[in-house]
Amino acid sequence: MPDSRERSGASVSPARVAALSHLAVKASRWPDIYPTAMPTTGLSVRDARLAEAIDRAATIRWLTLKTIIEPLLSRPWNQQAPEVIAALLGGAAQILLLDRIPDHAAIGESVGWCKTTKAVRASGVVNAVLRKVIALRGEKLDQAGSPRADVLIREDGSGWTLNTPVFDGEPRKALAAQCGLHHTWLERIAGNATPEQLAQQALHSISKPPVVLHHAGPHEALIDHSIAGFQVLQPGNHLGAVLEAYPNAIVQDSTAAAAVRATSAMAPTVALDRCAGRGTKSRQLARQHPSARIVACDTHAGRIKELQQLPEVQSGRIEVAGANPPESLRGQVDLLLLDVPCTNTGVLARRPEARHRTDMNSRTALRDLQRQIAADALPWLSPRGTLVWTTCSIEPEENEAQIEWLTQWHPLQVVTMAAHRGTGTPGDAPSAWTDGGFFALLRHRD
């Protein structure tokens, strides 16, 4: 159970112990960081929210904060201990990216936590650098506007002027630093995009995404989304109250929902969700095709347990088949859904760690995994069935290139295909937000 620590006169709140300890683990593994639950058992609701806010802000803007902090260090960033990096990132995130946190608390508790670690001798460095960060900070802006070298943009559209033009230099690298992205990712997705479109994509990745859902009715906590049939949870409200009132509601962005919605004119007898995850699309299939047999599979034991808790599974509406589909369904599946693992580049605002996994070897391995999943699943598709390929990526190598591979090496043809880069930047209305993603429908060639 995280609680306050005291050593050398330092007193640190449970929230900051949890957040900074979690960031130190990430720093030790950098850049191979994956979503892991932060230990919050025993924290009050308020402390848990603060810990999660610090962790999210520091993780999303890791490279932004590094750009600001590294020039203030006497030793290179990559020579700092993970505990020092955690204290610097956590402290700077509170000073620059979060509201209602006094500067003295952000500095004092970051320094205090550092004193409780094996990097105790570097606590003076943490203190000095975070004070320099405060000195760098200028005027608070209600609207930060377009990216500038001397302005730090925050997730809600506000910002800080900076007394030094931190984000200067080559435009794409400056934009990447501002938005906590690796510049090679922007170069990969640039294509024919204008500078304005590329900036929109980068800013989309640092915005605060709203909770979007469908199959809910009128509720004081909800407002209508700009896309019919979807609603947005208003800031300050709790999703639990909505789900209590509408237990069949599905939390799902309109882009993620588009793949299954595109099958609305079909009447499948059997639908197989081959990579079901937590079952969101399985539930959507059950709503979309009420007379179909819905089968969900996943290779992860933890996700299988989560699937088994779904109300539709408990009622028998969805079958959980474990890691592999039943042999009896081989060649019998009318609707084969492949929501394959991907880089999550269309949902970087929802997947903070994903922006840091950019190396070619990982991307190549992921591409090969996607192809293997497809090849292994195709024997279950009936001769007149439809294959739905979908990702929450905006990268052609995971989308259009994979569809080209499928049609080249398998007797399939494209029925329809749609790519969406996502909408919404810091300060935009939540009702206009959409994630990025892709889907394609394929059938056997005539």
Protein backbone atom coordinates (compact mmCIF):
# COMPACT_ATOMS: atom_id res chain seq x y z
CA MET A 1 0.00 0.00 0.00
CA PRO A 2 1.51 3.36 -1.05
CA ASP A 3 1.80 5.74 1.85
CA SER A 4 3.86 8.73 2.87
CA ARG A 5 7.58 8.25 3.35
CA GLU A 6 9.92 10.03 5.66
CA ARG A 7 13.69 10.06 5.56
CA SER A 8 16.13 12.88 6.06
CA GLY A 9 13.25 15.10 7.10
CA ALA A 10 11.33 14.49 3.86
CA SER A 11 7.56 13.95 3.95
CA VAL A 12 5.90 12.83 0.74
CA SER A 13 2.19 12.37 0.08
CA PRO A 14 0.88 8.92 -0.89
CA ALA A 15 -0.18 10.25 -4.31
CA ARG A 16 3.32 11.37 -5.20
CA VAL A 17 4.92 8.22 -3.83
CA ALA A 18 2.68 6.19 -6.16
CA ALA A 19 3.20 8.41 -9.21
CA LEU A 20 6.95 8.96 -8.92
CA SER A 21 7.65 5.32 -8.10
CA HIS A 22 5.66 4.30 -11.18
CA LEU A 23 7.55 6.80 -13.35
CA ALA A 24 10.87 5.48 -12.03
CA VAL A 25 9.96 1.99 -13.22
CA LYS A 26 9.12 3.40 -16.64
CA ALA A 27 12.40 5.32 -16.74
CA SER A 28 14.32 2.14 -15.99
CA ARG A 29 12.68 0.41 -18.96
CA TRP A 30 12.64 3.33 -21.39
CA PRO A 31 11.61 3.30 -24.22
CA ASP A 32 10.07 -0.18 -23.86
CA ILE A 33 7.22 0.93 -21.64
CA TYR A 34 3.80 -0.68 -21.75
CA PRO A 35 0.54 0.02 -19.92
CA THR A 36 0.86 -1.22 -16.38
CA ALA A 37 -1.46 -0.57 -13.48
CA MET A 38 -0.15 1.90 -10.95
CA PRO A 39 -0.53 0.54 -7.40
CA THR A 40 -3.22 2.72 -5.83
CA THR A 41 -4.60 0.33 -3.22
CA GLY A 42 -5.14 2.24 0.01
CA LEU A 43 -5.14 5.67 -1.64
CA SER A 44 -8.11 7.95 -1.21
CA VAL A 45 -10.07 8.73 -4.36
CA ARG A 46 -8.51 12.18 -4.43
CA ASP A 47 -4.95 10.87 -4.06
CA ALA A 48 -5.50 8.19 -6.69
CA ARG A 49 -6.70 10.81 -9.16
CA LEU A 50 -3.70 13.03 -8.47
CA ALA A 51 -1.28 10.12 -8.87
CA GLU A 52 -2.89 9.13 -12.16
CA ALA A 53 -2.87 12.73 -13.41
CA ILE A 54 0.85 13.13 -12.67
CA ASP A 55 1.68 9.80 -14.31
CA ARG A 56 -0.42 10.52 -17.42
CA ALA A 57 0.93 14.06 -17.90
CA ALA A 58 4.54 12.97 -17.48
CA THR A 59 4.15 9.95 -19.75
CA ILE A 60 2.39 11.75 -22.59
CA ARG A 61 4.74 14.74 -22.50
CA TRP A 62 7.89 12.80 -21.53
CA LEU A 63 9.85 14.06 -24.54
CA THR A 64 8.39 17.57 -24.18
CA LEU A 65 9.54 17.78 -20.58
CA LYS A 66 12.91 16.27 -21.50
CA THR A 67 13.34 19.02 -24.12
CA ILE A 68 12.70 21.63 -21.42
CA ILE A 69 14.74 20.01 -18.64
CA GLU A 70 17.83 18.61 -20.36
CA PRO A 71 19.45 22.01 -21.11
CA LEU A 72 19.17 22.77 -17.39
CA LEU A 73 21.23 19.70 -16.39
CA SER A 74 25.01 19.55 -16.01
CA ARG A 75 25.03 15.88 -17.08
CA PRO A 76 23.21 14.39 -20.11
CA TRP A 77 19.69 13.08 -19.62
CA ASN A 78 20.65 9.49 -20.46
CA GLN A 79 23.22 9.49 -17.68
CA GLN A 80 20.65 10.30 -14.98
CA ALA A 81 19.35 7.60 -12.64
CA PRO A 82 15.73 6.48 -13.26
CA GLU A 83 14.75 7.94 -9.86
CA VAL A 84 16.14 11.34 -10.84
CA ILE A 85 14.32 11.26 -14.18
CA ALA A 86 11.09 10.33 -12.38
CA ALA A 87 11.45 13.17 -9.86
CA LEU A 88 12.24 15.69 -12.60
CA LEU A 89 9.43 14.57 -14.89
CA GLY A 90 6.87 14.31 -12.11
CA GLY A 91 7.83 17.67 -10.64
CA ALA A 92 7.91 19.48 -13.99
CA ALA A 93 4.58 17.92 -15.02
CA GLN A 94 2.97 19.37 -11.89
CA ILE A 95 4.57 22.79 -12.42
CA LEU A 96 3.75 23.10 -16.12
CA LEU A 97 0.87 20.79 -16.99
CA LEU A 98 -1.42 20.46 -13.96
CA ASP A 99 -3.57 23.02 -12.17
CA ARG A 100 -4.05 23.90 -8.50
CA ILE A 101 -0.72 22.46 -7.38
CA PRO A 102 1.48 24.98 -5.54
CA ASP A 103 5.02 25.22 -6.88
CA HIS A 104 6.46 24.60 -3.43
CA ALA A 105 4.53 21.32 -3.15
CA ALA A 106 5.64 20.14 -6.59
CA ILE A 107 9.29 20.87 -5.78
CA GLY A 108 9.33 19.93 -2.12
CA GLU A 109 7.70 16.55 -2.55
CA SER A 110 9.68 15.65 -5.68
CA VAL A 111 12.89 16.42 -3.79
CA GLY A 112 11.58 14.64 -0.70
CA TRP A 113 10.72 11.51 -2.67
CA CYS A 114 14.16 11.52 -4.31
CA LYS A 115 15.70 11.51 -0.81
CA THR A 116 13.89 8.25 -0.08
CA THR A 117 15.54 6.49 -3.04
CA LYS A 118 19.03 5.31 -3.85
CA ALA A 119 19.45 8.58 -5.78
CA VAL A 120 19.35 10.56 -2.52
CA ARG A 121 22.56 12.45 -3.42
CA ALA A 122 20.88 13.86 -6.53
CA SER A 123 18.06 15.51 -4.56
CA GLY A 124 19.90 18.83 -4.75
CA VAL A 125 19.97 18.55 -8.54
CA VAL A 126 16.22 17.92 -8.61
CA ASN A 127 15.63 20.95 -6.41
CA ALA A 128 17.83 23.24 -8.52
CA VAL A 129 16.45 22.11 -11.88
CA LEU A 130 12.80 22.36 -10.89
CA ARG A 131 13.42 25.91 -9.63
CA LYS A 132 14.89 26.70 -13.05
CA VAL A 133 11.78 25.29 -14.67
CA ILE A 134 9.68 27.73 -12.66
CA ALA A 135 11.98 30.57 -13.71
CA LEU A 136 11.55 29.53 -17.35
CA ARG A 137 7.78 29.70 -17.07
CA GLY A 138 6.25 33.02 -18.08
CA GLU A 139 2.65 34.12 -18.51
CA LYS A 140 -0.31 31.73 -18.24
CA LEU A 141 -2.35 31.74 -21.47
CA ASP A 142 -6.03 30.84 -21.57
CA GLN A 143 -5.60 29.93 -25.24
CA ALA A 144 -2.14 28.86 -26.37
CA GLY A 145 -2.99 28.93 -30.07
CA SER A 146 -0.80 27.33 -32.74
CA PRO A 147 2.57 25.80 -31.84
CA ARG A 148 5.30 28.36 -31.15
CA ALA A 149 8.90 28.03 -30.02
CA ASP A 150 8.26 30.05 -26.86
CA VAL A 151 4.89 28.59 -25.79
CA LEU A 152 4.08 25.30 -24.07
CA ILE A 153 0.65 24.00 -25.13
CA ARG A 154 -1.40 22.06 -22.57
CA GLU A 155 -4.06 19.40 -23.16
CA ASP A 156 -7.01 21.75 -22.55
CA GLY A 157 -5.75 24.40 -25.02
CA SER A 158 -4.23 26.68 -22.38
CA GLY A 159 -0.50 27.17 -22.13
CA TRP A 160 2.53 28.94 -20.73
CA THR A 161 4.80 31.40 -22.42
CA LEU A 162 8.44 30.44 -21.98
CA ASN A 163 11.28 32.87 -21.37
CA THR A 164 13.44 30.89 -23.79
CA PRO A 165 12.34 29.60 -27.23
CA VAL A 166 12.62 25.95 -26.22
CA PHE A 167 10.81 24.48 -29.26
CA ASP A 168 12.89 25.99 -32.03
CA GLY A 169 14.81 24.46 -34.93
CA GLU A 170 13.61 22.29 -37.82
CA PRO A 171 9.77 22.53 -37.91
CA ARG A 172 8.90 18.84 -37.66
CA LYS A 173 11.38 18.20 -34.86
CA ALA A 174 10.12 21.28 -33.02
CA LEU A 175 6.50 20.12 -33.40
CA ALA A 176 7.44 16.63 -32.20
CA ALA A 177 9.17 18.05 -29.13
CA GLN A 178 6.20 20.28 -28.35
CA CYS A 179 3.83 17.30 -28.48
CA GLY A 180 6.03 14.66 -26.87
CA LEU A 181 6.47 12.63 -30.05
CA HIS A 182 9.48 11.14 -31.75
CA HIS A 183 10.07 13.16 -34.92
CA THR A 184 10.44 10.02 -37.05
CA TRP A 185 6.78 9.20 -36.44
CA LEU A 186 5.68 12.55 -37.89
CA GLU A 187 7.95 11.94 -40.86
CA ARG A 188 6.34 8.53 -41.44
CA ILE A 189 2.78 9.80 -41.44
CA ALA A 190 3.50 13.10 -43.24
CA GLY A 191 2.87 11.78 -46.77
CA ASN A 192 1.03 14.51 -48.65
CA ALA A 193 -0.13 16.24 -45.46
CA THR A 194 0.23 19.99 -45.23
CA PRO A 195 2.12 21.48 -42.27
CA GLU A 196 -1.25 22.48 -40.82
CA GLN A 197 -2.59 18.92 -41.08
CA LEU A 198 0.56 17.51 -39.51
CA ALA A 199 0.27 19.98 -36.63
CA GLN A 200 -3.36 18.95 -36.15
CA GLN A 201 -2.32 15.31 -35.93
CA ALA A 202 0.41 16.04 -33.39
CA LEU A 203 -1.87 18.22 -31.28
CA HIS A 204 -4.59 15.56 -31.40
CA SER A 205 -2.16 13.22 -29.62
CA ILE A 206 -1.83 15.50 -26.55
CA SER A 207 -5.48 16.46 -26.17
CA LYS A 208 -7.63 15.14 -23.36
CA PRO A 209 -9.94 12.62 -25.06
CA PRO A 210 -13.53 12.48 -23.82
CA VAL A 211 -15.41 9.37 -22.78
CA VAL A 212 -17.65 8.49 -25.73
CA LEU A 213 -20.41 5.90 -25.57
CA HIS A 214 -23.47 4.61 -27.37
CA HIS A 215 -26.60 2.63 -26.52
CA ALA A 216 -27.29 4.96 -23.59
CA GLY A 217 -30.37 7.12 -23.19
CA PRO A 218 -30.94 10.62 -21.81
CA HIS A 219 -28.83 11.41 -18.76
CA GLU A 220 -27.79 14.64 -17.08
CA ALA A 221 -24.13 13.55 -17.27
CA LEU A 222 -24.23 13.15 -21.06
CA ILE A 223 -24.29 15.47 -24.06
CA ASP A 224 -24.85 14.50 -27.68
CA HIS A 225 -21.82 13.80 -29.82
CA SER A 226 -21.62 15.41 -33.25
CA ILE A 227 -22.07 11.92 -34.73
CA ALA A 228 -25.60 10.63 -34.36
CA GLY A 229 -26.09 7.79 -31.90
CA PHE A 230 -23.10 8.68 -29.72
CA GLN A 231 -22.88 10.65 -26.48
CA VAL A 232 -20.08 12.26 -24.48
CA LEU A 233 -19.61 12.17 -20.73
CA GLN A 234 -19.45 15.74 -19.49
CA PRO A 235 -16.31 16.68 -17.54
CA GLY A 236 -16.72 16.30 -13.79
CA ASN A 237 -19.28 13.49 -14.07
CA HIS A 238 -18.80 9.83 -13.29
CA LEU A 239 -19.27 7.10 -15.86
CA GLY A 240 -20.46 4.68 -13.19
CA ALA A 241 -23.72 6.57 -12.73
CA VAL A 242 -24.43 6.38 -16.46
CA LEU A 243 -23.64 2.66 -16.67
CA GLU A 244 -25.81 2.00 -13.63
CA ALA A 245 -28.70 3.67 -15.43
CA TYR A 246 -27.87 2.06 -18.78
CA PRO A 247 -25.98 -1.21 -18.16
CA ASN A 248 -26.11 -2.09 -21.87
CA ALA A 249 -24.31 1.10 -22.90
CA ILE A 250 -20.98 0.57 -24.67
CA VAL A 251 -18.00 2.86 -24.08
CA GLN A 252 -16.58 3.19 -27.58
CA ASP A 253 -15.47 6.02 -29.84
CA SER A 254 -17.30 6.45 -33.14
CA THR A 255 -14.19 5.57 -35.15
CA ALA A 256 -13.72 2.29 -33.26
CA ALA A 257 -17.40 1.53 -33.78
CA ALA A 258 -17.31 2.17 -37.54
CA ALA A 259 -16.05 -1.29 -38.54
CA VAL A 260 -18.97 -3.20 -37.01
CA ARG A 261 -21.45 -0.51 -38.04
CA ALA A 262 -20.34 -1.08 -41.64
CA THR A 263 -21.78 -4.62 -41.41
CA SER A 264 -25.30 -3.43 -40.57
CA ALA A 265 -26.79 -4.64 -43.87
CA MET A 266 -25.48 -8.18 -43.33
CA ALA A 267 -27.34 -11.04 -41.67
CA PRO A 268 -24.63 -13.39 -40.41
CA THR A 269 -25.46 -16.70 -38.77
CA VAL A 270 -22.10 -16.87 -36.99
CA ALA A 271 -19.81 -13.92 -36.11
CA LEU A 272 -16.34 -14.50 -34.68
CA ASP A 273 -14.39 -11.80 -32.86
CA ARG A 274 -10.93 -13.35 -33.14
CA CYS A 275 -9.01 -10.74 -31.05
CA ALA A 276 -11.78 -9.81 -28.64
CA GLY A 277 -9.70 -8.03 -26.00
CA ARG A 278 -12.13 -6.71 -23.40
CA GLY A 279 -15.10 -7.49 -25.61
CA THR A 280 -16.24 -4.05 -26.74
CA LYS A 281 -16.66 -5.09 -30.37
CA SER A 282 -18.12 -8.45 -29.34
CA ARG A 283 -20.82 -6.56 -27.47
CA GLN A 284 -21.32 -4.31 -30.47
CA LEU A 285 -21.69 -7.36 -32.74
CA ALA A 286 -24.34 -8.74 -30.39
CA ARG A 287 -26.31 -5.48 -30.64
CA GLN A 288 -25.81 -5.15 -34.40
CA HIS A 289 -26.73 -8.77 -35.22
CA PRO A 290 -29.21 -9.99 -32.58
CA SER A 291 -29.98 -13.27 -34.36
CA ALA A 292 -26.35 -14.28 -34.90
CA ARG A 293 -24.23 -16.61 -32.80
CA ILE A 294 -21.42 -14.42 -31.41
CA VAL A 295 -18.13 -16.11 -30.47
CA ALA A 296 -15.25 -14.23 -28.80
CA CYS A 297 -11.63 -15.41 -28.60
CA ASP A 298 -8.45 -14.01 -27.14
CA THR A 299 -5.03 -15.45 -26.35
CA HIS A 300 -4.54 -13.48 -23.11
CA ALA A 301 -5.74 -15.30 -19.99
CA GLY A 302 -6.48 -12.05 -18.12
CA ARG A 303 -8.66 -10.73 -20.94
CA ILE A 304 -10.50 -14.05 -21.14
CA LYS A 305 -11.43 -13.61 -17.47
CA GLU A 306 -12.68 -10.08 -18.22
CA LEU A 307 -14.71 -11.34 -21.17
CA GLN A 308 -16.38 -13.91 -18.97
CA GLN A 309 -17.69 -11.13 -16.71
CA LEU A 310 -19.55 -9.32 -19.51
CA PRO A 311 -23.34 -9.30 -19.00
CA GLU A 312 -23.85 -10.64 -22.55
CA VAL A 313 -21.58 -13.58 -21.75
CA GLN A 314 -23.34 -14.22 -18.44
CA SER A 315 -26.69 -14.28 -20.26
CA GLY A 316 -25.38 -16.59 -23.01
CA ARG A 317 -25.63 -13.97 -25.74
CA ILE A 318 -21.86 -14.13 -26.37
CA GLU A 319 -19.78 -17.30 -26.20
CA VAL A 320 -16.18 -17.11 -24.94
CA ALA A 321 -14.15 -19.78 -26.71
CA GLY A 322 -10.75 -19.12 -25.16
CA ALA A 323 -7.62 -18.85 -27.27
CA ASN A 324 -8.99 -20.67 -30.34
CA PRO A 325 -12.36 -20.87 -32.10
CA PRO A 326 -14.27 -24.16 -31.95
CA GLU A 327 -13.18 -26.59 -34.68
CA SER A 328 -16.85 -27.12 -35.50
CA LEU A 329 -16.98 -23.56 -36.86
CA ARG A 330 -14.14 -24.05 -39.34
CA GLY A 331 -15.41 -22.72 -42.68
CA GLN A 332 -18.73 -21.68 -41.08
CA VAL A 333 -18.08 -18.08 -39.92
CA ASP A 334 -20.07 -15.53 -41.91
CA LEU A 335 -18.50 -12.50 -40.23
CA LEU A 336 -14.86 -12.72 -39.13
CA LEU A 337 -13.70 -9.69 -37.16
CA LEU A 338 -9.93 -9.14 -36.87
CA ASP A 339 -9.31 -6.21 -34.52
CA VAL A 340 -5.58 -6.91 -34.63
CA PRO A 341 -2.89 -5.63 -32.24
CA CYS A 342 -1.41 -2.41 -33.58
CA THR A 343 0.79 0.57 -32.72
CA ASN A 344 -2.25 2.56 -31.45
CA THR A 345 -1.08 5.65 -33.36
CA GLY A 346 -4.68 6.76 -33.90
CA VAL A 347 -5.32 6.83 -30.15
CA LEU A 348 -2.09 8.19 -28.69
CA ALA A 349 -4.08 10.47 -26.38
CA ARG A 350 -5.68 7.34 -24.86
CA ARG A 351 -2.53 5.17 -24.94
CA PRO A 352 0.21 7.35 -23.40
CA GLU A 353 2.98 4.73 -23.59
CA ALA A 354 2.37 3.86 -27.25
CA ARG A 355 3.96 7.07 -28.56
CA HIS A 356 7.35 5.97 -27.28
CA ARG A 357 7.52 2.59 -29.04
CA THR A 358 8.82 3.63 -32.44
CA ASP A 359 11.71 1.33 -33.32
CA MET A 360 11.65 -0.48 -36.66
CA ASN A 361 12.18 -3.96 -35.21
CA SER A 362 9.06 -3.69 -33.04
CA ARG A 363 6.96 -2.40 -35.93
CA THR A 364 8.17 -5.17 -38.23
CA ALA A 365 7.39 -7.81 -35.60
CA LEU A 366 3.92 -6.32 -35.13
CA ARG A 367 3.26 -6.33 -38.88
CA ASP A 368 4.26 -10.00 -39.06
CA LEU A 369 2.05 -10.83 -36.06
CA GLN A 370 -0.93 -9.18 -37.75
CA ARG A 371 -0.38 -11.27 -40.87
CA GLN A 372 -0.03 -14.46 -38.86
CA ILE A 373 -3.29 -13.76 -37.03
CA ALA A 374 -5.06 -13.27 -40.36
CA ALA A 375 -3.56 -16.40 -41.92
CA ASP A 376 -4.50 -18.50 -38.88
CA ALA A 377 -8.07 -17.13 -38.77
CA LEU A 378 -8.99 -17.39 -42.46
CA PRO A 379 -9.79 -21.15 -42.39
CA TRP A 380 -12.80 -20.31 -40.20
CA LEU A 381 -14.26 -17.89 -42.80
CA SER A 382 -17.12 -19.35 -44.86
CA PRO A 383 -16.96 -19.17 -48.68
CA ARG A 384 -19.53 -16.37 -48.67
CA GLY A 385 -18.30 -14.75 -45.45
CA THR A 386 -16.94 -11.27 -44.80
CA LEU A 387 -13.60 -10.48 -43.20
CA VAL A 388 -13.43 -7.23 -41.21
CA TRP A 389 -9.90 -5.90 -40.65
CA THR A 390 -9.67 -3.04 -38.20
CA THR A 391 -7.00 -1.18 -36.21
CA CYS A 392 -6.70 1.96 -34.12
CA SER A 393 -3.59 2.89 -36.11
CA ILE A 394 -3.20 5.55 -38.78
CA GLU A 395 -0.07 4.02 -40.29
CA PRO A 396 -0.39 2.64 -43.86
CA GLU A 397 1.92 -0.30 -43.11
CA GLU A 398 -0.68 -1.64 -40.66
CA ASN A 399 -3.67 -0.77 -42.77
CA GLU A 400 -3.64 -0.29 -46.54
CA ALA A 401 -0.41 -2.28 -46.95
CA GLN A 402 -1.87 -5.18 -44.98
CA ILE A 403 -5.03 -5.17 -47.10
CA GLU A 404 -2.84 -5.25 -50.19
CA TRP A 405 -1.01 -8.26 -48.72
CA LEU A 406 -4.28 -10.02 -47.90
CA THR A 407 -5.64 -9.59 -51.42
CA GLN A 408 -2.33 -10.60 -53.00
CA TRP A 409 -1.81 -13.85 -51.08
CA HIS A 410 -5.39 -14.89 -50.31
CA PRO A 411 -8.47 -15.14 -52.55
CA LEU A 412 -10.01 -11.96 -51.15
CA GLN A 413 -11.23 -8.70 -52.62
CA VAL A 414 -11.98 -5.37 -50.97
CA VAL A 415 -15.63 -4.41 -50.51
CA THR A 416 -14.99 -1.14 -48.70
CA MET A 417 -12.14 0.58 -46.89
CA ALA A 418 -12.01 3.67 -44.66
CA ALA A 419 -9.19 5.50 -42.89
CA HIS A 420 -9.66 8.28 -40.36
CA ARG A 421 -6.90 10.32 -38.74
CA GLY A 422 -9.00 11.64 -35.88
CA THR A 423 -10.36 15.07 -35.00
CA GLY A 424 -9.97 17.29 -31.97
CA THR A 425 -7.11 19.39 -30.68
CA PRO A 426 -6.49 21.00 -27.27
CA GLY A 427 -9.40 23.24 -26.37
CA ASP A 428 -11.85 21.86 -28.95
CA ALA A 429 -15.37 20.80 -27.94
CA PRO A 430 -15.45 17.20 -26.64
CA SER A 431 -18.52 16.53 -28.81
CA ALA A 432 -16.36 16.94 -31.94
CA TRP A 433 -13.67 14.44 -30.84
CA THR A 434 -12.97 11.29 -32.85
CA ASP A 435 -10.12 8.80 -32.57
CA GLY A 436 -8.01 7.81 -35.53
CA GLY A 437 -8.39 4.35 -37.02
CA PHE A 438 -8.97 2.15 -40.04
CA PHE A 439 -11.22 -0.65 -41.25
CA ALA A 440 -11.73 -2.68 -44.39
CA LEU A 441 -14.32 -5.26 -45.40
CA LEU A 442 -13.15 -8.11 -47.64
CA ARG A 443 -14.88 -11.09 -49.24
CA HIS A 444 -13.81 -14.09 -51.28
CA ARG A 445 -13.31 -13.31 -54.94
CA ASP A 446 -16.19 -14.31 -57.21
